[in-house]
PDB file of all heavy atoms in Angstrom:
ATOM      1  N   ALA A   1      -7.681   0.868   3.185  1.00  0.00           N
ATOM      2  CA  ALA A   1      -6.326   0.339   3.244  1.00  0.00           C
ATOM      3  C   ALA A   1      -6.061  -0.554   1.986  1.00  0.00           C
ATOM      4  O   ALA A   1      -4.997  -0.416   1.397  1.00  0.00           O
ATOM      5  CB  ALA A   1      -6.183  -0.372   4.572  1.00  0.00           C
ATOM      6  N   ALA A   2      -6.974  -1.461   1.676  1.00  0.00           N
ATOM      7  CA  ALA A   2      -6.785  -2.252   0.436  1.00  0.00           C
ATOM      8  C   ALA A   2      -6.743  -1.387  -0.810  1.00  0.00           C
ATOM      9  O   ALA A   2      -5.899  -1.702  -1.705  1.00  0.00           O
ATOM     10  CB  ALA A   2      -7.947  -3.218   0.414  1.00  0.00           C
ATOM     11  N   ALA A   3      -7.552  -0.378  -0.936  1.00  0.00           N
ATOM     12  CA  ALA A   3      -7.544   0.530  -2.029  1.00  0.00           C
ATOM     13  C   ALA A   3      -6.134   1.324  -2.035  1.00  0.00           C
ATOM     14  O   ALA A   3      -5.530   1.436  -3.171  1.00  0.00           O
ATOM     15  CB  ALA A   3      -8.592   1.548  -1.869  1.00  0.00           C
ATOM     16  N   ALA A   4      -5.628   1.685  -0.923  1.00  0.00           N
ATOM     17  CA  ALA A   4      -4.387   2.365  -0.919  1.00  0.00           C
ATOM     18  C   ALA A   4      -3.153   1.383  -1.501  1.00  0.00           C
ATOM     19  O   ALA A   4      -2.391   1.811  -2.293  1.00  0.00           O
ATOM     20  CB  ALA A   4      -3.937   2.768   0.459  1.00  0.00           C
ATOM     21  N   LEU A   5      -3.299   0.194  -0.994  1.00  0.00           N
ATOM     22  CA  LEU A   5      -2.269  -0.785  -1.493  1.00  0.00           C
ATOM     23  C   LEU A   5      -2.411  -0.985  -3.042  1.00  0.00           C
ATOM     24  O   LEU A   5      -1.328  -1.185  -3.703  1.00  0.00           O
ATOM     25  CB  LEU A   5      -2.346  -2.129  -0.684  1.00  0.00           C
ATOM     26  CG  LEU A   5      -1.258  -3.150  -1.082  1.00  0.00           C
ATOM     27  CD1 LEU A   5       0.136  -2.653  -0.864  1.00  0.00           C
ATOM     28  CD2 LEU A   5      -1.507  -4.415  -0.190  1.00  0.00           C
ATOM     29  N   GLY A   6      -3.682  -1.256  -3.465  1.00  0.00           N
ATOM     30  CA  GLY A   6      -3.813  -1.318  -4.939  1.00  0.00           C
ATOM     31  C   GLY A   6      -3.209  -0.117  -5.717  1.00  0.00           C
ATOM     32  O   GLY A   6      -2.540  -0.318  -6.801  1.00  0.00           O
ATOM     33  N   ILE A   7      -3.531   1.046  -5.227  1.00  0.00           N
ATOM     34  CA  ILE A   7      -2.981   2.243  -5.998  1.00  0.00           C
ATOM     35  C   ILE A   7      -1.467   2.225  -5.940  1.00  0.00           C
ATOM     36  O   ILE A   7      -0.716   2.468  -7.009  1.00  0.00           O
ATOM     37  CB  ILE A   7      -3.550   3.503  -5.389  1.00  0.00           C
ATOM     38  CG1 ILE A   7      -5.081   3.581  -5.626  1.00  0.00           C
ATOM     39  CG2 ILE A   7      -2.936   4.708  -6.023  1.00  0.00           C
ATOM     40  CD1 ILE A   7      -5.742   4.731  -4.913  1.00  0.00           C
ATOM     41  N   ALA A   8      -0.883   1.940  -4.720  1.00  0.00           N
ATOM     42  CA  ALA A   8       0.511   1.948  -4.620  1.00  0.00           C
ATOM     43  C   ALA A   8       1.225   0.959  -5.511  1.00  0.00           C
ATOM     44  O   ALA A   8       2.370   1.318  -6.120  1.00  0.00           O
ATOM     45  CB  ALA A   8       0.895   1.814  -3.125  1.00  0.00           C
ATOM     46  N   ARG A   9       0.682  -0.200  -5.641  1.00  0.00           N
ATOM     47  CA  ARG A   9       1.274  -1.235  -6.440  1.00  0.00           C
ATOM     48  C   ARG A   9       1.179  -0.876  -7.947  1.00  0.00           C
ATOM     49  O   ARG A   9       1.974  -1.195  -8.765  1.00  0.00           O
ATOM     50  CB  ARG A   9       0.641  -2.563  -6.172  1.00  0.00           C
ATOM     51  CG  ARG A   9       0.995  -3.230  -4.887  1.00  0.00           C
ATOM     52  CD  ARG A   9       0.240  -4.477  -4.653  1.00  0.00           C
ATOM     53  NE  ARG A   9       0.900  -5.205  -3.363  1.00  0.00           N
ATOM     54  CZ  ARG A   9       0.200  -6.143  -2.753  1.00  0.00           C
ATOM     55  NH1 ARG A   9      -1.021  -6.585  -3.162  1.00  0.00           N
ATOM     56  NH2 ARG A   9       0.834  -6.741  -1.698  1.00  0.00           N
ATOM     57  N   SER A  10       0.044  -0.154  -8.310  1.00  0.00           N
ATOM     58  CA  SER A  10      -0.125   0.291  -9.656  1.00  0.00           C
ATOM     59  C   SER A  10       0.938   1.201 -10.203  1.00  0.00           C
ATOM     60  O   SER A  10       1.256   1.266 -11.342  1.00  0.00           O
ATOM     61  CB  SER A  10      -1.477   0.808  -9.932  1.00  0.00           C
ATOM     62  OG  SER A  10      -1.591   2.078  -9.273  1.00  0.00           O
ATOM     63  N   ILE A  11       1.527   2.070  -9.244  1.00  0.00           N
ATOM     64  CA  ILE A  11       2.503   3.021  -9.679  1.00  0.00           C
ATOM     65  C   ILE A  11       3.793   2.521  -9.271  1.00  0.00           C
ATOM     66  O   ILE A  11       4.886   3.236  -9.623  1.00  0.00           O
ATOM     67  CB  ILE A  11       2.233   4.399  -8.930  1.00  0.00           C
ATOM     68  CG1 ILE A  11       2.245   4.212  -7.453  1.00  0.00           C
ATOM     69  CG2 ILE A  11       0.914   4.940  -9.458  1.00  0.00           C
ATOM     70  CD1 ILE A  11       2.009   5.711  -6.773  1.00  0.00           C
ATOM     71  N   GLY A  12       3.973   1.506  -8.584  1.00  0.00           N
ATOM     72  CA  GLY A  12       5.261   0.823  -8.242  1.00  0.00           C
ATOM     73  C   GLY A  12       6.182   1.685  -7.319  1.00  0.00           C
ATOM     74  O   GLY A  12       7.382   1.529  -7.324  1.00  0.00           O
ATOM     75  N   ASP A  13       5.554   2.533  -6.480  1.00  0.00           N
ATOM     76  CA  ASP A  13       6.169   3.283  -5.509  1.00  0.00           C
ATOM     77  C   ASP A  13       6.492   2.438  -4.205  1.00  0.00           C
ATOM     78  O   ASP A  13       5.663   2.108  -3.467  1.00  0.00           O
ATOM     79  CB  ASP A  13       5.455   4.516  -5.157  1.00  0.00           C
ATOM     80  CG  ASP A  13       6.102   5.419  -4.259  1.00  0.00           C
ATOM     81  OD1 ASP A  13       7.062   5.044  -3.461  1.00  0.00           O
ATOM     82  OD2 ASP A  13       5.823   6.704  -4.085  1.00  0.00           O
ATOM     83  N   ARG A  14       7.798   2.010  -4.026  1.00  0.00           N
ATOM     84  CA  ARG A  14       8.202   1.059  -3.020  1.00  0.00           C
ATOM     85  C   ARG A  14       7.882   1.624  -1.681  1.00  0.00           C
ATOM     86  O   ARG A  14       7.365   0.920  -0.776  1.00  0.00           O
ATOM     87  CB  ARG A  14       9.686   0.871  -3.162  1.00  0.00           C
ATOM     88  CG  ARG A  14      10.195  -0.271  -2.123  1.00  0.00           C
ATOM     89  CD  ARG A  14       9.329  -1.598  -2.364  1.00  0.00           C
ATOM     90  NE  ARG A  14       9.186  -2.300  -1.074  1.00  0.00           N
ATOM     91  CZ  ARG A  14       8.284  -3.166  -0.933  1.00  0.00           C
ATOM     92  NH1 ARG A  14       7.473  -3.485  -1.874  1.00  0.00           N
ATOM     93  NH2 ARG A  14       8.073  -3.744   0.332  1.00  0.00           N
ATOM     94  N   SER A  15       8.073   2.866  -1.325  1.00  0.00           N
ATOM     95  CA  SER A  15       7.891   3.404  -0.018  1.00  0.00           C
ATOM     96  C   SER A  15       6.309   3.434   0.186  1.00  0.00           C
ATOM     97  O   SER A  15       5.710   3.198   1.328  1.00  0.00           O
ATOM     98  CB  SER A  15       8.442   4.799   0.189  1.00  0.00           C
ATOM     99  OG  SER A  15       7.791   5.699  -0.702  1.00  0.00           O
ATOM    100  N   SER A  16       5.525   3.838  -0.777  1.00  0.00           N
ATOM    101  CA  SER A  16       4.098   3.819  -0.667  1.00  0.00           C
ATOM    102  C   SER A  16       3.544   2.393  -0.546  1.00  0.00           C
ATOM    103  O   SER A  16       2.647   2.143   0.250  1.00  0.00           O
ATOM    104  CB  SER A  16       3.442   4.508  -1.927  1.00  0.00           C
ATOM    105  OG  SER A  16       2.016   4.653  -1.783  1.00  0.00           O
ATOM    106  N   ILE A  17       4.093   1.497  -1.219  1.00  0.00           N
ATOM    107  CA  ILE A  17       3.637   0.074  -1.086  1.00  0.00           C
ATOM    108  C   ILE A  17       3.838  -0.396   0.303  1.00  0.00           C
ATOM    109  O   ILE A  17       2.995  -1.086   0.969  1.00  0.00           O
ATOM    110  CB  ILE A  17       4.390  -0.848  -2.072  1.00  0.00           C
ATOM    111  CG1 ILE A  17       3.986  -0.465  -3.542  1.00  0.00           C
ATOM    112  CG2 ILE A  17       4.142  -2.254  -1.810  1.00  0.00           C
ATOM    113  CD1 ILE A  17       4.746  -1.087  -4.628  1.00  0.00           C
ATOM    114  N   ALA A  18       5.137  -0.152   0.817  1.00  0.00           N
ATOM    115  CA  ALA A  18       5.470  -0.625   2.169  1.00  0.00           C
ATOM    116  C   ALA A  18       4.452  -0.098   3.173  1.00  0.00           C
ATOM    117  O   ALA A  18       4.022  -0.826   4.102  1.00  0.00           O
ATOM    118  CB  ALA A  18       6.974  -0.285   2.443  1.00  0.00           C
ATOM    119  N   GLU A  19       4.280   1.190   3.137  1.00  0.00           N
ATOM    120  CA  GLU A  19       3.409   1.885   4.176  1.00  0.00           C
ATOM    121  C   GLU A  19       2.028   1.345   4.024  1.00  0.00           C
ATOM    122  O   GLU A  19       1.293   1.133   5.044  1.00  0.00           O
ATOM    123  CB  GLU A  19       3.444   3.359   3.956  1.00  0.00           C
ATOM    124  CG  GLU A  19       2.819   4.168   5.067  1.00  0.00           C
ATOM    125  CD  GLU A  19       2.861   5.615   4.849  1.00  0.00           C
ATOM    126  OE1 GLU A  19       3.742   6.078   3.960  1.00  0.00           O
ATOM    127  OE2 GLU A  19       2.062   6.374   5.491  1.00  0.00           O
ATOM    128  N   SER A  20       1.625   1.098   2.752  1.00  0.00           N
ATOM    129  CA  SER A  20       0.106   0.600   2.561  1.00  0.00           C
ATOM    130  C   SER A  20       0.072  -0.817   3.068  1.00  0.00           C
ATOM    131  O   SER A  20      -0.971  -1.135   3.611  1.00  0.00           O
ATOM    132  CB  SER A  20      -0.142   0.648   1.075  1.00  0.00           C
ATOM    133  OG  SER A  20      -0.122   1.984   0.590  1.00  0.00           O
ATOM    134  N   GLU A  21       1.100  -1.580   2.859  1.00  0.00           N
ATOM    135  CA  GLU A  21       1.153  -2.994   3.403  1.00  0.00           C
ATOM    136  C   GLU A  21       1.006  -3.013   4.923  1.00  0.00           C
ATOM    137  O   GLU A  21       0.269  -3.822   5.514  1.00  0.00           O
ATOM    138  CB  GLU A  21       2.265  -3.735   3.059  1.00  0.00           C
ATOM    139  CG  GLU A  21       2.437  -4.101   1.510  1.00  0.00           C
ATOM    140  CD  GLU A  21       3.770  -4.676   1.048  1.00  0.00           C
ATOM    141  OE1 GLU A  21       4.782  -4.266   1.684  1.00  0.00           O
ATOM    142  OE2 GLU A  21       3.723  -5.330   0.077  1.00  0.00           O
ATOM    143  N   ALA A  22       1.794  -2.061   5.582  1.00  0.00           N
ATOM    144  CA  ALA A  22       1.599  -2.035   7.054  1.00  0.00           C
ATOM    145  C   ALA A  22       0.291  -1.670   7.519  1.00  0.00           C
ATOM    146  O   ALA A  22      -0.391  -2.124   8.492  1.00  0.00           O
ATOM    147  CB  ALA A  22       2.684  -1.134   7.537  1.00  0.00           C
ATOM    148  N   THR A  23      -0.419  -0.583   6.722  1.00  0.00           N
ATOM    149  CA  THR A  23      -1.711  -0.057   7.091  1.00  0.00           C
ATOM    150  C   THR A  23      -2.711  -1.237   6.852  1.00  0.00           C
ATOM    151  O   THR A  23      -3.606  -1.409   7.722  1.00  0.00           O
ATOM    152  CB  THR A  23      -1.995   1.104   6.155  1.00  0.00           C
ATOM    153  OG1 THR A  23      -1.062   2.117   6.499  1.00  0.00           O
ATOM    154  CG2 THR A  23      -3.401   1.707   6.608  1.00  0.00           C
ATOM    155  N   LEU A  24      -2.584  -2.013   5.811  1.00  0.00           N
ATOM    156  CA  LEU A  24      -3.475  -3.068   5.603  1.00  0.00           C
ATOM    157  C   LEU A  24      -3.360  -4.079   6.694  1.00  0.00           C
ATOM    158  O   LEU A  24      -4.420  -4.749   7.136  1.00  0.00           O
ATOM    159  CB  LEU A  24      -3.299  -3.723   4.216  1.00  0.00           C
ATOM    160  CG  LEU A  24      -4.249  -4.723   3.822  1.00  0.00           C
ATOM    161  CD1 LEU A  24      -5.642  -4.227   3.686  1.00  0.00           C
ATOM    162  CD2 LEU A  24      -3.830  -5.362   2.375  1.00  0.00           C
ATOM    163  N   ALA A  25      -2.158  -4.432   7.071  1.00  0.00           N
ATOM    164  CA  ALA A  25      -1.966  -5.418   8.133  1.00  0.00           C
ATOM    165  C   ALA A  25      -2.622  -4.936   9.431  1.00  0.00           C
ATOM    166  O   ALA A  25      -3.300  -5.714  10.159  1.00  0.00           O
ATOM    167  CB  ALA A  25      -0.493  -5.693   8.368  1.00  0.00           C
ATOM    168  N   TRP A  26      -2.582  -3.682   9.665  1.00  0.00           N
ATOM    169  CA  TRP A  26      -3.142  -3.096  10.834  1.00  0.00           C
ATOM    170  C   TRP A  26      -4.698  -3.183  10.887  1.00  0.00           C
ATOM    171  O   TRP A  26      -5.414  -3.591  11.799  1.00  0.00           O
ATOM    172  CB  TRP A  26      -2.601  -1.666  11.012  1.00  0.00           C
ATOM    173  CG  TRP A  26      -2.877  -0.968  12.330  1.00  0.00           C
ATOM    174  CD1 TRP A  26      -2.605  -1.389  13.576  1.00  0.00           C
ATOM    175  CD2 TRP A  26      -3.705   0.173  12.456  1.00  0.00           C
ATOM    176  NE1 TRP A  26      -2.965  -0.589  14.500  1.00  0.00           N
ATOM    177  CE2 TRP A  26      -3.644   0.467  13.886  1.00  0.00           C
ATOM    178  CE3 TRP A  26      -4.282   1.090  11.548  1.00  0.00           C
ATOM    179  CZ2 TRP A  26      -4.365   1.580  14.454  1.00  0.00           C
ATOM    180  CZ3 TRP A  26      -4.914   2.195  12.183  1.00  0.00           C
ATOM    181  CH2 TRP A  26      -4.948   2.388  13.591  1.00  0.00           C
ATOM    182  N   THR A  27      -5.313  -2.741   9.665  1.00  0.00           N
ATOM    183  CA  THR A  27      -6.759  -2.800   9.612  1.00  0.00           C
ATOM    184  C   THR A  27      -7.253  -4.236   9.616  1.00  0.00           C
ATOM    185  O   THR A  27      -8.358  -4.511  10.153  1.00  0.00           O
ATOM    186  CB  THR A  27      -7.242  -2.000   8.433  1.00  0.00           C
ATOM    187  OG1 THR A  27      -6.618  -2.627   7.137  1.00  0.00           O
ATOM    188  CG2 THR A  27      -6.877  -0.467   8.515  1.00  0.00           C
TER     189      THR A  27
END
């Protein structure tokens, strides 16, 4: 989940960032 958020932030995809943040909060 942390890796997903890192990748999402690197590409600046807002929807991917938001979903990754929710997934990280869950894990």
